Amino acid sequence: MDPTLEAIKQKRLAELGAQEGGMPQSAEDAQAAQERAEAMQEQRAAAIASLMEPKARERLARIALVKPEKAQALENMLLQAAQRGQLGGKVTEDALIGMLEKINGGSGEGGGRGGPKIEMRRRNVMDDDDW
């Protein structure tokens, strides 16, 4: 790369970092921030794994594949409950399902499937009894 282009790029990154306040100033800072984030993620995953039974972990992994935001919310709920001492042991799959229903807004109409129950009413136009 051209040295002047690289200098302009570094100057622009420094300006953006000064504006946002959260952007690292150098490559070493960025790498250190990345390593800290990875370490925190590993620590979080280990804590969650220690709180759950294997079947519950499998279900959470399947949820994370389909709806990562719901899995993140479940993980947050688990960690908060553990910090408050509300968990009486390892979380079972049924307990995880209950927590998921809380996140979804309770088990109201529709059996917890994401919305109100739809009922189809069909007219009996060609009913054999009418002939």
C-alpha atoms as a PDB file:
ATOM      1  CA  MET A   1       0.000   0.000   0.000  1.00  0.00           C
ATOM      2  CA  ASP A   2       0.990   3.585  -0.507  1.00  0.00           C
ATOM      3  CA  PRO A   3       2.463   5.110   2.694  1.00  0.00           C
ATOM      4  CA  THR A   4       0.462   8.315   2.299  1.00  0.00           C
ATOM      5  CA  LEU A   5      -2.752   6.361   1.891  1.00  0.00           C
ATOM      6  CA  GLU A   6      -1.923   4.347   5.009  1.00  0.00           C
ATOM      7  CA  ALA A   7      -1.211   7.576   6.959  1.00  0.00           C
ATOM      8  CA  ILE A   8      -4.532   9.056   5.863  1.00  0.00           C
ATOM      9  CA  LYS A   9      -6.324   5.865   6.876  1.00  0.00           C
ATOM     10  CA  GLN A  10      -4.670   5.861  10.323  1.00  0.00           C
ATOM     11  CA  LYS A  11      -5.499   9.549  10.808  1.00  0.00           C
ATOM     12  CA  ARG A  12      -9.140   8.943   9.873  1.00  0.00           C
ATOM     13  CA  LEU A  13      -9.377   5.966  12.236  1.00  0.00           C
ATOM     14  CA  ALA A  14      -7.915   8.091  15.032  1.00  0.00           C
ATOM     15  CA  GLU A  15     -10.485  10.825  14.338  1.00  0.00           C
ATOM     16  CA  LEU A  16     -13.328   8.318  14.405  1.00  0.00           C
ATOM     17  CA  GLY A  17     -11.958   6.838  17.624  1.00  0.00           C
ATOM     18  CA  ALA A  18     -11.855  10.273  19.206  1.00  0.00           C
ATOM     19  CA  GLN A  19     -15.457  10.950  18.156  1.00  0.00           C
ATOM     20  CA  GLU A  20     -16.861   7.629  19.349  1.00  0.00           C
ATOM     21  CA  GLY A  21     -14.572   7.250  22.324  1.00  0.00           C
ATOM     22  CA  GLY A  22     -14.798   3.443  22.258  1.00  0.00           C
ATOM     23  CA  MET A  23     -12.660   2.598  19.269  1.00  0.00           C
ATOM     24  CA  PRO A  24      -9.167   1.327  20.051  1.00  0.00           C
ATOM     25  CA  GLN A  25      -6.255   3.550  19.056  1.00  0.00           C
ATOM     26  CA  SER A  26      -3.865   0.878  17.795  1.00  0.00           C
ATOM     27  CA  ALA A  27      -3.779  -2.681  16.536  1.00  0.00           C
ATOM     28  CA  GLU A  28      -2.458  -3.892  19.904  1.00  0.00           C
ATOM     29  CA  ASP A  29      -5.400  -2.284  21.706  1.00  0.00           C
ATOM     30  CA  ALA A  30      -7.832  -3.843  19.264  1.00  0.00           C
ATOM     31  CA  GLN A  31      -6.245  -7.262  19.708  1.00  0.00           C
ATOM     32  CA  ALA A  32      -6.295  -6.934  23.505  1.00  0.00           C
ATOM     33  CA  ALA A  33      -9.961  -5.909  23.418  1.00  0.00           C
ATOM     34  CA  GLN A  34     -10.734  -8.898  21.175  1.00  0.00           C
ATOM     35  CA  GLU A  35      -8.935 -11.266  23.554  1.00  0.00           C
ATOM     36  CA  ARG A  36     -10.816  -9.846  26.554  1.00  0.00           C
ATOM     37  CA  ALA A  37     -14.119 -10.272  24.733  1.00  0.00           C
ATOM     38  CA  GLU A  38     -13.285 -13.881  23.822  1.00  0.00           C
ATOM     39  CA  ALA A  39     -12.235 -14.647  27.402  1.00  0.00           C
ATOM     40  CA  MET A  40     -15.481 -13.180  28.747  1.00  0.00           C
ATOM     41  CA  GLN A  41     -17.487 -15.205  26.219  1.00  0.00           C
ATOM     42  CA  GLU A  42     -15.702 -18.414  27.213  1.00  0.00           C
ATOM     43  CA  GLN A  43     -16.260 -17.666  30.896  1.00  0.00           C
ATOM     44  CA  ARG A  44     -19.947 -16.998  30.253  1.00  0.00           C
ATOM     45  CA  ALA A  45     -20.319 -20.249  28.282  1.00  0.00           C
ATOM     46  CA  ALA A  46     -18.614 -22.230  31.051  1.00  0.00           C
ATOM     47  CA  ALA A  47     -20.886 -20.692  33.695  1.00  0.00           C
ATOM     48  CA  ILE A  48     -23.998 -21.482  31.678  1.00  0.00           C
ATOM     49  CA  ALA A  49     -22.817 -25.038  31.004  1.00  0.00           C
ATOM     50  CA  SER A  50     -22.275 -25.618  34.725  1.00  0.00           C
ATOM     51  CA  LEU A  51     -25.817 -24.424  35.491  1.00  0.00           C
ATOM     52  CA  MET A  52     -27.628 -26.733  33.060  1.00  0.00           C
ATOM     53  CA  GLU A  53     -28.257 -30.417  32.504  1.00  0.00           C
ATOM     54  CA  PRO A  54     -27.050 -31.846  29.165  1.00  0.00           C
ATOM     55  CA  LYS A  55     -30.530 -32.043  27.601  1.00  0.00           C
ATOM     56  CA  ALA A  56     -31.218 -28.431  28.554  1.00  0.00           C
ATOM     57  CA  ARG A  57     -27.891 -27.387  27.003  1.00  0.00           C
ATOM     58  CA  GLU A  58     -28.827 -29.219  23.808  1.00  0.00           C
ATOM     59  CA  ARG A  59     -32.177 -27.436  23.664  1.00  0.00           C
ATOM     60  CA  LEU A  60     -30.523 -24.073  24.261  1.00  0.00           C
ATOM     61  CA  ALA A  61     -28.058 -24.812  21.446  1.00  0.00           C
ATOM     62  CA  ARG A  62     -30.939 -25.637  19.080  1.00  0.00           C
ATOM     63  CA  ILE A  63     -32.734 -22.441  20.091  1.00  0.00           C
ATOM     64  CA  ALA A  64     -29.539 -20.471  19.445  1.00  0.00           C
ATOM     65  CA  LEU A  65     -29.391 -21.835  15.896  1.00  0.00           C
ATOM     66  CA  VAL A  66     -32.894 -20.658  15.090  1.00  0.00           C
ATOM     67  CA  LYS A  67     -33.321 -17.564  17.264  1.00  0.00           C
ATOM     68  CA  PRO A  68     -30.038 -16.293  18.705  1.00  0.00           C
ATOM     69  CA  GLU A  69     -31.720 -13.345  20.454  1.00  0.00           C
ATOM     70  CA  LYS A  70     -33.997 -15.689  22.430  1.00  0.00           C
ATOM     71  CA  ALA A  71     -31.049 -17.884  23.375  1.00  0.00           C
ATOM     72  CA  GLN A  72     -29.189 -14.778  24.564  1.00  0.00           C
ATOM     73  CA  ALA A  73     -32.206 -13.735  26.638  1.00  0.00           C
ATOM     74  CA  LEU A  74     -32.418 -17.229  28.158  1.00  0.00           C
ATOM     75  CA  GLU A  75     -28.725 -17.159  29.004  1.00  0.00           C
ATOM     76  CA  ASN A  76     -29.126 -13.753  30.645  1.00  0.00           C
ATOM     77  CA  MET A  77     -32.077 -15.028  32.691  1.00  0.00           C
ATOM     78  CA  LEU A  78     -30.069 -18.066  33.807  1.00  0.00           C
ATOM     79  CA  LEU A  79     -27.060 -16.015  34.849  1.00  0.00           C
ATOM     80  CA  GLN A  80     -29.179 -13.480  36.727  1.00  0.00           C
ATOM     81  CA  ALA A  81     -31.082 -16.216  38.544  1.00  0.00           C
ATOM     82  CA  ALA A  82     -27.802 -17.886  39.484  1.00  0.00           C
ATOM     83  CA  GLN A  83     -26.368 -14.610  40.789  1.00  0.00           C
ATOM     84  CA  ARG A  84     -29.459 -14.086  42.951  1.00  0.00           C
ATOM     85  CA  GLY A  85     -29.344 -17.674  44.167  1.00  0.00           C
ATOM     86  CA  GLN A  86     -32.752 -18.559  42.735  1.00  0.00           C
ATOM     87  CA  LEU A  87     -31.601 -21.760  41.053  1.00  0.00           C
ATOM     88  CA  GLY A  88     -32.015 -24.781  43.285  1.00  0.00           C
ATOM     89  CA  GLY A  89     -29.716 -26.996  41.255  1.00  0.00           C
ATOM     90  CA  LYS A  90     -29.067 -27.655  37.618  1.00  0.00           C
ATOM     91  CA  VAL A  91     -31.663 -26.357  35.190  1.00  0.00           C
ATOM     92  CA  THR A  92     -33.657 -29.123  33.534  1.00  0.00           C
ATOM     93  CA  GLU A  93     -35.105 -29.091  30.049  1.00  0.00           C
ATOM     94  CA  ASP A  94     -38.610 -28.526  31.461  1.00  0.00           C
ATOM     95  CA  ALA A  95     -37.397 -25.547  33.501  1.00  0.00           C
ATOM     96  CA  LEU A  96     -35.751 -24.137  30.387  1.00  0.00           C
ATOM     97  CA  ILE A  97     -39.033 -24.505  28.489  1.00  0.00           C
ATOM     98  CA  GLY A  98     -40.792 -22.615  31.285  1.00  0.00           C
ATOM     99  CA  MET A  99     -38.230 -19.822  31.061  1.00  0.00           C
ATOM    100  CA  LEU A 100     -38.694 -19.707  27.303  1.00  0.00           C
ATOM    101  CA  GLU A 101     -42.451 -19.332  27.758  1.00  0.00           C
ATOM    102  CA  LYS A 102     -41.816 -16.389  30.102  1.00  0.00           C
ATOM    103  CA  ILE A 103     -39.693 -14.758  27.426  1.00  0.00           C
ATOM    104  CA  ASN A 104     -42.361 -15.400  24.796  1.00  0.00           C
ATOM    105  CA  GLY A 105     -44.939 -13.613  26.904  1.00  0.00           C
ATOM    106  CA  GLY A 106     -46.438 -16.482  28.849  1.00  0.00           C
ATOM    107  CA  SER A 107     -48.445 -19.462  27.784  1.00  0.00           C
ATOM    108  CA  GLY A 108     -51.589 -17.699  26.684  1.00  0.00           C
ATOM    109  CA  GLU A 109     -53.635 -18.577  23.648  1.00  0.00           C
ATOM    110  CA  GLY A 110     -51.964 -20.611  20.959  1.00  0.00           C
ATOM    111  CA  GLY A 111     -50.233 -23.018  23.289  1.00  0.00           C
ATOM    112  CA  GLY A 112     -47.053 -20.950  23.462  1.00  0.00           C
ATOM    113  CA  ARG A 113     -46.430 -21.226  19.737  1.00  0.00           C
ATOM    114  CA  GLY A 114     -45.896 -17.550  19.038  1.00  0.00           C
ATOM    115  CA  GLY A 115     -49.350 -16.113  18.587  1.00  0.00           C
ATOM    116  CA  PRO A 116     -53.051 -16.426  19.091  1.00  0.00           C
ATOM    117  CA  LYS A 117     -54.775 -19.642  18.139  1.00  0.00           C
ATOM    118  CA  ILE A 118     -56.366 -19.563  14.709  1.00  0.00           C
ATOM    119  CA  GLU A 119     -59.622 -21.410  14.355  1.00  0.00           C
ATOM    120  CA  MET A 120     -60.938 -22.270  10.915  1.00  0.00           C
ATOM    121  CA  ARG A 121     -64.711 -22.301  10.508  1.00  0.00           C
ATOM    122  CA  ARG A 122     -65.859 -23.830   7.271  1.00  0.00           C
ATOM    123  CA  ARG A 123     -69.337 -23.616   5.924  1.00  0.00           C
ATOM    124  CA  ASN A 124     -71.199 -26.837   5.422  1.00  0.00           C
ATOM    125  CA  VAL A 125     -72.371 -26.053   1.906  1.00  0.00           C
ATOM    126  CA  MET A 126     -72.664 -29.569   0.583  1.00  0.00           C
ATOM    127  CA  ASP A 127     -73.841 -31.359   3.708  1.00  0.00           C
ATOM    128  CA  ASP A 128     -75.457 -34.724   2.918  1.00  0.00           C
ATOM    129  CA  ASP A 129     -78.230 -34.155   5.454  1.00  0.00           C
ATOM    130  CA  ASP A 130     -79.688 -31.249   3.467  1.00  0.00           C
ATOM    131  CA  TRP A 131     -80.631 -33.337   0.401  1.00  0.00           C
END
